[in-house]
Protein backbone atom coordinates (compact mmCIF):
# COMPACT_ATOMS: atom_id res chain seq x y z
CA MET A 1 24.85 11.94 53.36
CA THR A 2 24.23 8.99 50.90
CA SER A 3 24.84 9.00 47.27
CA GLY A 4 23.59 7.49 43.95
CA ARG A 5 23.59 8.43 40.36
CA VAL A 6 21.27 9.65 37.66
CA THR A 7 20.70 6.78 34.98
CA ALA A 8 18.46 8.78 32.66
CA VAL A 9 16.58 12.17 32.16
CA SER A 10 13.37 12.76 30.25
CA SER A 11 10.89 15.29 29.49
CA SER A 12 7.79 15.91 27.33
CA ALA A 13 6.19 19.26 26.42
CA THR A 14 2.74 17.80 26.32
CA HIS A 15 0.84 15.94 28.88
CA THR A 16 1.68 12.42 27.62
CA PHE A 17 2.03 9.54 29.93
CA SER A 18 5.59 8.67 28.94
CA LYS A 19 8.36 11.12 28.58
CA VAL A 20 11.35 11.16 25.90
CA CYS A 21 14.84 10.39 27.25
CA LEU A 22 17.22 13.01 26.53
CA PRO A 23 20.96 13.58 26.73
CA GLY A 24 20.26 16.28 29.51
CA ILE A 25 17.62 18.48 31.08
CA ARG A 26 17.61 21.89 32.58
CA LEU A 27 16.00 22.40 36.14
CA LEU A 28 14.60 25.90 36.67
CA THR A 29 14.48 27.12 40.28
CA GLY A 30 10.89 27.09 41.49
CA LEU A 31 9.44 25.98 38.23
CA GLY A 32 10.44 22.46 37.14
CA VAL A 33 12.08 20.98 34.10
CA GLU A 34 12.47 23.54 31.27
CA GLY A 35 10.21 22.48 28.41
CA ASP A 36 8.15 19.97 30.35
CA ALA A 37 4.40 20.06 30.47
CA HIS A 38 4.54 20.07 34.41
CA LEU A 39 6.75 23.21 34.55
CA GLY A 40 5.34 26.09 36.68
CA VAL A 41 4.64 27.69 39.99
CA THR A 42 1.17 26.35 40.18
CA VAL A 43 -0.17 22.79 39.65
CA LYS A 44 -0.01 21.58 36.18
CA HIS A 45 -1.30 18.07 36.62
CA ARG A 46 -4.66 17.92 34.87
CA SER A 47 -6.76 16.47 37.66
CA ARG A 48 -5.33 18.76 40.13
CA VAL A 49 -5.93 21.73 38.06
CA ALA A 50 -9.51 20.77 37.63
CA GLN A 51 -9.93 20.85 41.43
CA ASP A 52 -7.78 24.13 42.08
CA PRO A 53 -5.52 25.74 39.45
CA THR A 54 -4.03 27.97 42.07
CA GLN A 55 -2.37 25.36 44.36
CA PRO A 56 1.20 25.29 44.55
CA ASN A 57 3.06 22.96 42.10
CA LEU A 58 4.64 20.37 44.43
CA ARG A 59 5.08 18.02 41.48
CA GLN A 60 7.59 20.00 39.43
CA VAL A 61 10.05 16.98 39.11
CA HIS A 62 9.24 13.44 39.16
CA LEU A 63 11.87 10.78 40.09
CA ILE A 64 11.63 7.09 39.92
CA GLN A 65 14.24 4.68 41.10
CA ALA A 66 15.69 2.29 38.22
CA GLU A 67 15.49 -0.53 40.81
CA LEU A 68 11.67 -0.33 40.32
CA HIS A 69 12.24 -0.95 36.41
CA ASP A 70 14.45 -3.88 37.41
CA GLU A 71 11.71 -5.31 39.56
CA LEU A 72 9.04 -4.75 36.89
CA ARG A 73 11.11 -6.36 34.12
CA VAL A 74 11.51 -9.41 36.43
CA ALA A 75 7.79 -9.51 36.92
CA GLY A 76 7.38 -9.64 33.11
CA PHE A 77 6.73 -5.94 32.12
CA SER A 78 8.69 -4.03 29.71
CA VAL A 79 9.58 -0.63 31.21
CA ALA A 80 12.29 1.67 30.13
CA ALA A 81 13.43 4.97 31.81
CA GLY A 82 10.99 7.84 31.14
CA GLU A 83 8.04 5.48 30.08
CA LEU A 84 6.41 5.86 33.53
CA GLY A 85 6.43 9.58 33.17
CA GLU A 86 9.55 10.22 35.23
CA ASN A 87 11.92 13.26 34.62
CA VAL A 88 14.69 11.64 36.52
CA THR A 89 15.75 8.00 36.83
CA THR A 90 18.02 7.36 39.72
CA ARG A 91 20.02 4.27 40.95
CA ASP A 92 21.25 3.43 44.53
CA VAL A 93 19.07 5.92 46.25
CA ASP A 94 16.19 4.82 48.45
CA LEU A 95 13.80 7.60 47.12
CA LEU A 96 10.70 5.89 48.66
CA GLY A 97 12.48 5.81 52.15
CA LEU A 98 13.31 9.49 52.24
CA PRO A 99 11.54 12.10 54.48
CA VAL A 100 9.44 15.06 53.29
CA GLY A 101 12.17 17.85 52.90
CA ALA A 102 15.07 15.72 51.88
CA LEU A 103 17.33 17.51 49.28
CA LEU A 104 18.68 15.63 46.40
CA ARG A 105 21.68 17.33 44.66
CA LEU A 106 21.75 16.34 41.12
CA GLY A 107 25.08 16.83 39.38
CA GLU A 108 27.05 20.07 40.00
CA GLU A 109 24.36 22.65 40.65
CA ALA A 110 20.71 21.47 40.69
CA VAL A 111 18.88 20.72 43.99
CA VAL A 112 15.41 19.14 44.34
CA GLU A 113 13.42 19.11 47.52
CA VAL A 114 11.32 15.96 47.98
CA THR A 115 7.75 16.74 48.60
CA GLY A 116 5.90 13.57 48.48
CA LEU A 117 5.00 10.36 46.76
CA ARG A 118 3.58 10.14 43.16
CA ASN A 119 -0.02 8.82 43.19
CA PRO A 120 -0.13 6.28 40.27
CA CYS A 121 -3.49 6.60 38.32
CA VAL A 122 -5.33 4.55 35.86
CA GLN A 123 -3.05 5.71 33.09
CA ILE A 124 -0.39 3.41 34.28
CA GLU A 125 -2.91 0.38 33.76
CA ALA A 126 -3.67 1.67 30.36
CA PHE A 127 0.13 1.67 29.64
CA GLN A 128 0.45 -1.90 30.54
CA THR A 129 -2.21 -4.09 31.94
CA GLY A 130 -1.38 -5.30 35.46
CA LEU A 131 1.17 -2.55 36.14
CA LEU A 132 -0.94 -0.63 38.49
CA LYS A 133 -0.94 -3.62 40.93
CA GLN A 134 2.79 -3.57 40.82
CA VAL A 135 3.30 -0.04 41.85
CA VAL A 136 0.37 0.32 44.32
CA GLY A 137 -0.29 -2.26 46.99
CA ARG A 138 -0.81 -2.86 50.85
CA ASP A 139 1.79 -3.71 53.42
CA GLU A 140 1.32 -6.35 56.27
CA ALA A 141 -0.63 -3.74 58.19
CA GLY A 142 -2.94 -3.18 55.33
CA GLU A 143 -1.41 0.58 54.74
CA LEU A 144 -1.40 1.64 51.10
CA VAL A 145 2.04 1.41 49.55
CA ARG A 146 2.84 3.53 46.50
CA ARG A 147 6.12 2.67 44.57
CA ALA A 148 5.86 4.96 41.56
CA GLY A 149 8.60 7.28 42.66
CA VAL A 150 8.62 10.71 44.36
CA MET A 151 7.83 14.28 43.52
CA GLY A 152 9.84 17.38 44.22
CA VAL A 153 10.42 21.13 43.64
CA VAL A 154 13.46 22.76 42.19
CA VAL A 155 15.16 24.96 44.97
CA ALA A 156 18.48 25.27 42.76
CA GLY A 157 18.43 25.09 39.16
CA GLY A 158 21.05 23.49 36.62
CA GLU A 159 21.73 20.88 34.15
CA VAL A 160 21.19 17.16 34.90
CA ARG A 161 22.58 14.40 32.79
CA PRO A 162 22.81 10.66 32.96
CA GLY A 163 25.76 9.69 35.01
CA ASP A 164 25.56 12.72 37.32
CA THR A 165 25.98 12.06 41.00
CA ILE A 166 23.12 12.32 43.43
CA GLU A 167 23.76 13.38 47.03
CA VAL A 168 20.89 13.13 49.55
CA GLU A 169 20.83 15.51 52.42
CA LEU A 170 18.18 14.81 55.13
CA PRO A 171 16.37 17.45 56.92
CA PRO A 172 16.68 17.93 60.62
CA PRO A 173 14.59 15.59 62.74
CA PRO A 174 11.89 14.60 63.35
CA HIS A 175 11.37 13.24 59.89
CA ARG A 176 7.97 13.11 58.16
CA ARG A 177 7.18 10.19 56.10
CA LEU A 178 6.18 10.73 52.48
CA ASP A 179 2.67 10.95 51.62
CA ARG A 180 0.99 11.44 48.12
CA VAL A 181 1.15 14.92 46.59
């Protein structure tokens, strides 16, 4: 089991690109972040709702590693916690390297099961020109690499605050690589 920490938590009641940093958020089992626009059993992401509003919400919680913010700042972008739409900003957890089904124990009670990768859209480019190329690219083999965080579902609710620990529990092998959800 590896560990890291929560550096920021954010939420938005409306479908805005960026979310507001808060002193704490409450995760609700099977639903997501209390008061967030993406809260619900079925999908709330507008493009996904247009395709099929009955599909399960595998995007209840969006997590981004603070290390990405650090890299973006070095590359000349001004990005703060919550501005890329994440609910939880983490440090010292390799979110992108986790397998499907990994459990993230946030603070004392909350548990999020990782479902897949966030698929960055053109809104990220509208936020800051050139940013999309920083978070989506290709590896040496030509495979698409998405770096804009992971998505998950809440399997145990609870309060999450900056400074909380994050414990990572891997599922039993064989592990499945994350793909977009």
